[in-house]
Amino acid sequence: MSFKPRRITVIAPHPDDETLGAGGTIARMAADGSEVSVLIVSGHLPPLYAPSMFEVTRGEAIRAFDILGVAHYEFLEIPATLVNAVPVAELNGKVSRFIRQTNPEWVLIPFPDRHIDHRIIFDSAVVACRPVHAAAPRVVLAYETLSETHWNAPGIEPAFIPEVFVDISEHMETKRQALAAYASQVNEAPSRSIDACSALARFRGSQNGCEHAEAFKTVRIVI
């Protein structure tokens, strides 16, 4: 299995999920020459948010992408918490189209956690990554997202117990800068602060003999 894939695609339910869950990995792979693409499926749109909020978070995301080294991105503009209102075949088609266009070797997807959008998009991404042809992604990994991933009910819902870790020690500062670009989303609350993200990366690193790491659950790895 190559640890320097030529192309990586990240499927993110909302702006900032890609940075919270995989920002260090994105920065590391982009610095190593990988072409990184990000699909933001849902956004801060009515009825839950004012129309202006979408443009705010879209601008923040683009700044974060520039910091991380993202080469391509797309926003599907589905209202947050209403992803379940989109017909399954339509949503699967949109995610599949982006994956076909970017032709990744690796795909990073959200873990199916407390947020309904995360669970639905996980299902859609797994369908889109099915190994039905030779160009299917060889590596599919699910990332953890503060704070939603750690709010699942223990013993009742899936638990995030990772098997794959990416050393992001040299790129943690880049991740912190990208998180700071999301001024409207990342705050000083314990569950979503930059310090909390740094502490999680420090803990994941301590599990694996490095300073900072990001953790993933395995969906599929083909060597």
Protein backbone atom coordinates (compact mmCIF):
# COMPACT_ATOMS: atom_id res chain seq x y z
CA MET A 1 0.00 0.00 0.00
CA SER A 2 1.43 3.38 -1.00
CA PHE A 3 1.59 5.98 1.72
CA LYS A 4 2.07 8.64 -0.93
CA PRO A 5 -1.07 8.24 -3.04
CA ARG A 6 -1.25 10.33 -6.16
CA ARG A 7 -4.85 11.41 -5.51
CA ILE A 8 -6.94 11.65 -2.33
CA THR A 9 -10.60 12.64 -2.08
CA VAL A 10 -12.17 13.77 1.19
CA ILE A 11 -15.95 13.67 1.62
CA ALA A 12 -17.05 16.18 4.28
CA PRO A 13 -20.62 16.61 5.54
CA HIS A 14 -20.09 20.29 6.44
CA PRO A 15 -17.41 22.97 6.10
CA ASP A 16 -14.76 22.31 8.78
CA ASP A 17 -15.36 18.54 9.11
CA GLU A 18 -12.54 17.86 6.65
CA THR A 19 -10.13 19.94 8.72
CA LEU A 20 -11.31 18.70 12.11
CA GLY A 21 -11.03 15.06 11.06
CA ALA A 22 -8.25 14.98 8.50
CA GLY A 23 -6.64 18.41 8.21
CA GLY A 24 -3.20 17.16 9.20
CA THR A 25 -3.41 14.23 6.81
CA ILE A 26 -4.52 16.52 3.98
CA ALA A 27 -1.61 18.88 4.68
CA ARG A 28 0.91 16.03 4.88
CA MET A 29 -0.26 14.32 1.69
CA ALA A 30 -0.47 17.59 -0.24
CA ALA A 31 3.05 18.51 0.86
CA ASP A 32 4.23 15.09 -0.35
CA GLY A 33 2.75 15.73 -3.79
CA SER A 34 -0.69 14.14 -3.55
CA GLU A 35 -3.55 15.88 -5.36
CA VAL A 36 -6.23 16.42 -2.70
CA SER A 37 -9.89 17.05 -3.55
CA VAL A 38 -12.65 17.90 -1.08
CA LEU A 39 -16.42 17.59 -1.48
CA ILE A 40 -18.52 19.58 1.00
CA VAL A 41 -21.94 17.95 0.86
CA SER A 42 -24.02 20.14 3.16
CA GLY A 43 -23.88 23.78 4.18
CA HIS A 44 -25.22 26.54 6.42
CA LEU A 45 -28.37 27.29 4.47
CA PRO A 46 -32.06 28.03 5.26
CA PRO A 47 -34.19 27.00 7.02
CA LEU A 48 -31.72 26.43 9.87
CA TYR A 49 -29.36 29.30 8.96
CA ALA A 50 -29.62 32.73 7.35
CA PRO A 51 -28.63 32.76 3.65
CA SER A 52 -25.60 34.94 4.40
CA MET A 53 -24.14 32.24 6.68
CA PHE A 54 -23.44 29.95 3.74
CA GLU A 55 -21.21 32.55 2.09
CA VAL A 56 -19.38 33.12 5.38
CA THR A 57 -18.58 29.43 5.88
CA ARG A 58 -17.84 28.90 2.19
CA GLY A 59 -15.24 31.68 2.35
CA GLU A 60 -13.76 30.21 5.52
CA ALA A 61 -13.55 26.79 3.88
CA ILE A 62 -11.76 28.14 0.81
CA ARG A 63 -9.20 29.87 3.06
CA ALA A 64 -8.69 26.62 5.00
CA PHE A 65 -8.29 24.68 1.74
CA ASP A 66 -5.61 27.11 0.59
CA ILE A 67 -3.72 26.67 3.86
CA LEU A 68 -3.93 22.86 3.69
CA GLY A 69 -2.99 22.60 0.00
CA VAL A 70 -6.32 21.33 -1.38
CA ALA A 71 -6.24 21.29 -5.18
CA HIS A 72 -9.94 20.87 -6.03
CA TYR A 73 -13.18 21.37 -4.13
CA GLU A 74 -16.93 21.50 -4.64
CA PHE A 75 -19.93 22.53 -2.51
CA LEU A 76 -23.18 20.65 -3.13
CA GLU A 77 -25.21 23.26 -1.20
CA ILE A 78 -27.63 20.88 0.52
CA PRO A 79 -29.07 22.49 3.69
CA ALA A 80 -27.49 21.21 6.91
CA THR A 81 -29.57 18.58 8.79
CA LEU A 82 -31.70 18.08 5.66
CA VAL A 83 -29.41 15.70 3.81
CA ASN A 84 -31.95 12.98 4.64
CA ALA A 85 -34.53 14.88 2.57
CA VAL A 86 -32.53 14.26 -0.62
CA PRO A 87 -33.53 11.01 -2.35
CA VAL A 88 -30.95 8.31 -1.69
CA ALA A 89 -30.24 7.64 -5.35
CA GLU A 90 -29.76 11.36 -6.02
CA LEU A 91 -27.34 11.84 -3.11
CA ASN A 92 -25.41 8.69 -4.01
CA GLY A 93 -25.17 9.92 -7.58
CA LYS A 94 -23.74 13.30 -6.56
CA VAL A 95 -21.10 11.75 -4.30
CA SER A 96 -20.26 9.08 -6.88
CA ARG A 97 -19.87 11.67 -9.62
CA PHE A 98 -17.31 13.63 -7.59
CA ILE A 99 -15.35 10.49 -6.79
CA ARG A 100 -15.33 9.42 -10.43
CA GLN A 101 -14.17 12.88 -11.51
CA THR A 102 -11.33 13.02 -8.99
CA ASN A 103 -10.37 9.34 -9.48
CA PRO A 104 -8.75 8.92 -6.05
CA GLU A 105 -6.59 6.11 -4.75
CA TRP A 106 -7.61 7.05 -1.21
CA VAL A 107 -11.00 8.29 0.02
CA LEU A 108 -11.55 9.72 3.50
CA ILE A 109 -15.15 9.74 4.73
CA PRO A 110 -16.96 10.71 7.95
CA PHE A 111 -17.51 8.15 10.69
CA PRO A 112 -21.27 7.47 11.18
CA ASP A 113 -21.67 9.32 14.48
CA ARG A 114 -24.22 11.40 16.38
CA HIS A 115 -24.91 13.86 13.54
CA ILE A 116 -27.55 12.58 11.12
CA ASP A 117 -25.77 14.19 8.16
CA HIS A 118 -22.59 12.29 9.03
CA ARG A 119 -24.43 8.96 9.13
CA ILE A 120 -26.23 9.47 5.84
CA ILE A 121 -23.12 10.73 4.03
CA PHE A 122 -21.09 7.81 5.38
CA ASP A 123 -23.61 5.42 3.78
CA SER A 124 -23.56 7.34 0.51
CA ALA A 125 -19.76 7.46 0.40
CA VAL A 126 -19.43 3.72 1.06
CA VAL A 127 -21.82 3.06 -1.82
CA ALA A 128 -19.83 5.40 -4.05
CA CYS A 129 -16.60 3.58 -3.16
CA ARG A 130 -17.85 0.07 -3.87
CA PRO A 131 -15.15 -2.05 -5.58
CA VAL A 132 -17.17 -2.65 -8.72
CA HIS A 133 -14.45 -1.68 -11.20
CA ALA A 134 -10.67 -1.56 -11.45
CA ALA A 135 -10.56 2.20 -10.77
CA ALA A 136 -12.31 1.89 -7.40
CA PRO A 137 -10.41 3.48 -4.48
CA ARG A 138 -7.87 1.13 -2.93
CA VAL A 139 -8.03 2.74 0.50
CA VAL A 140 -11.23 3.96 2.20
CA LEU A 141 -10.91 5.31 5.74
CA ALA A 142 -13.38 6.96 8.14
CA TYR A 143 -12.21 9.93 10.21
CA GLU A 144 -13.33 11.15 13.62
CA THR A 145 -14.92 14.58 14.00
CA LEU A 146 -14.89 16.51 17.23
CA SER A 147 -17.31 16.61 18.87
CA GLU A 148 -19.96 14.44 17.22
CA THR A 149 -17.97 11.20 16.91
CA HIS A 150 -17.48 10.93 20.65
CA TRP A 151 -21.14 11.51 21.52
CA ASN A 152 -22.37 8.11 20.28
CA ALA A 153 -24.04 5.99 22.98
CA PRO A 154 -21.45 3.42 24.18
CA GLY A 155 -22.43 -0.19 23.56
CA ILE A 156 -25.53 0.81 21.60
CA GLU A 157 -24.08 2.67 18.60
CA PRO A 158 -20.80 2.16 16.70
CA ALA A 159 -17.72 3.16 18.66
CA PHE A 160 -14.75 4.87 17.05
CA ILE A 161 -11.89 2.46 17.78
CA PRO A 162 -9.25 3.28 15.16
CA GLU A 163 -6.80 0.95 13.45
CA VAL A 164 -4.99 3.41 11.15
CA PHE A 165 -2.96 6.39 12.31
CA VAL A 166 -1.25 9.10 10.26
CA ASP A 167 1.69 10.92 11.81
CA ILE A 168 0.95 14.63 11.38
CA SER A 169 3.63 15.93 13.73
CA GLU A 170 5.23 18.11 11.05
CA HIS A 171 1.84 19.45 9.91
CA MET A 172 -0.02 20.09 13.17
CA GLU A 173 0.65 23.82 12.99
CA THR A 174 -0.82 23.88 9.47
CA LYS A 175 -3.93 22.12 10.78
CA ARG A 176 -4.22 24.67 13.58
CA GLN A 177 -3.99 27.52 11.06
CA ALA A 178 -6.67 25.93 8.88
CA LEU A 179 -8.93 25.47 11.90
CA ALA A 180 -8.43 29.12 12.80
CA ALA A 181 -9.73 30.05 9.33
CA TYR A 182 -13.12 28.72 10.46
CA ALA A 183 -13.71 31.64 12.80
CA SER A 184 -17.50 31.16 12.80
CA GLN A 185 -17.30 27.44 13.58
CA VAL A 186 -14.32 26.74 15.82
CA ASN A 187 -14.67 28.35 19.21
CA GLU A 188 -13.39 28.08 22.73
CA ALA A 189 -16.02 25.54 23.83
CA PRO A 190 -14.21 22.44 25.08
CA SER A 191 -15.67 20.14 22.43
CA ARG A 192 -14.63 22.06 19.28
CA SER A 193 -11.78 24.36 20.20
CA ILE A 194 -8.42 24.38 18.46
CA ASP A 195 -6.90 23.31 21.76
CA ALA A 196 -9.26 20.33 21.94
CA CYS A 197 -8.27 19.29 18.40
CA SER A 198 -4.60 19.62 19.32
CA ALA A 199 -5.12 17.57 22.47
CA LEU A 200 -6.83 14.79 20.50
CA ALA A 201 -3.97 14.76 17.97
CA ARG A 202 -1.49 14.67 20.84
CA PHE A 203 -3.33 11.71 22.39
CA ARG A 204 -3.49 9.84 19.06
CA GLY A 205 0.21 10.48 18.64
CA SER A 206 0.95 9.16 22.13
CA GLN A 207 -0.72 5.90 21.16
CA ASN A 208 1.73 5.48 18.30
CA GLY A 209 5.07 6.89 19.32
CA CYS A 210 4.80 10.24 17.60
CA GLU A 211 4.01 13.77 18.68
CA HIS A 212 0.70 14.23 16.85
CA ALA A 213 -1.48 11.90 14.77
CA GLU A 214 -4.91 11.58 13.18
CA ALA A 215 -6.88 8.36 13.57
CA PHE A 216 -9.09 6.45 11.14
CA LYS A 217 -11.38 3.43 11.04
CA THR A 218 -10.77 1.08 8.13
CA VAL A 219 -13.52 0.61 5.56
CA ARG A 220 -11.23 -1.06 3.02
CA ILE A 221 -7.53 -1.35 2.30
CA VAL A 222 -6.33 -3.21 -0.76
CA ILE A 223 -2.58 -3.81 -0.89
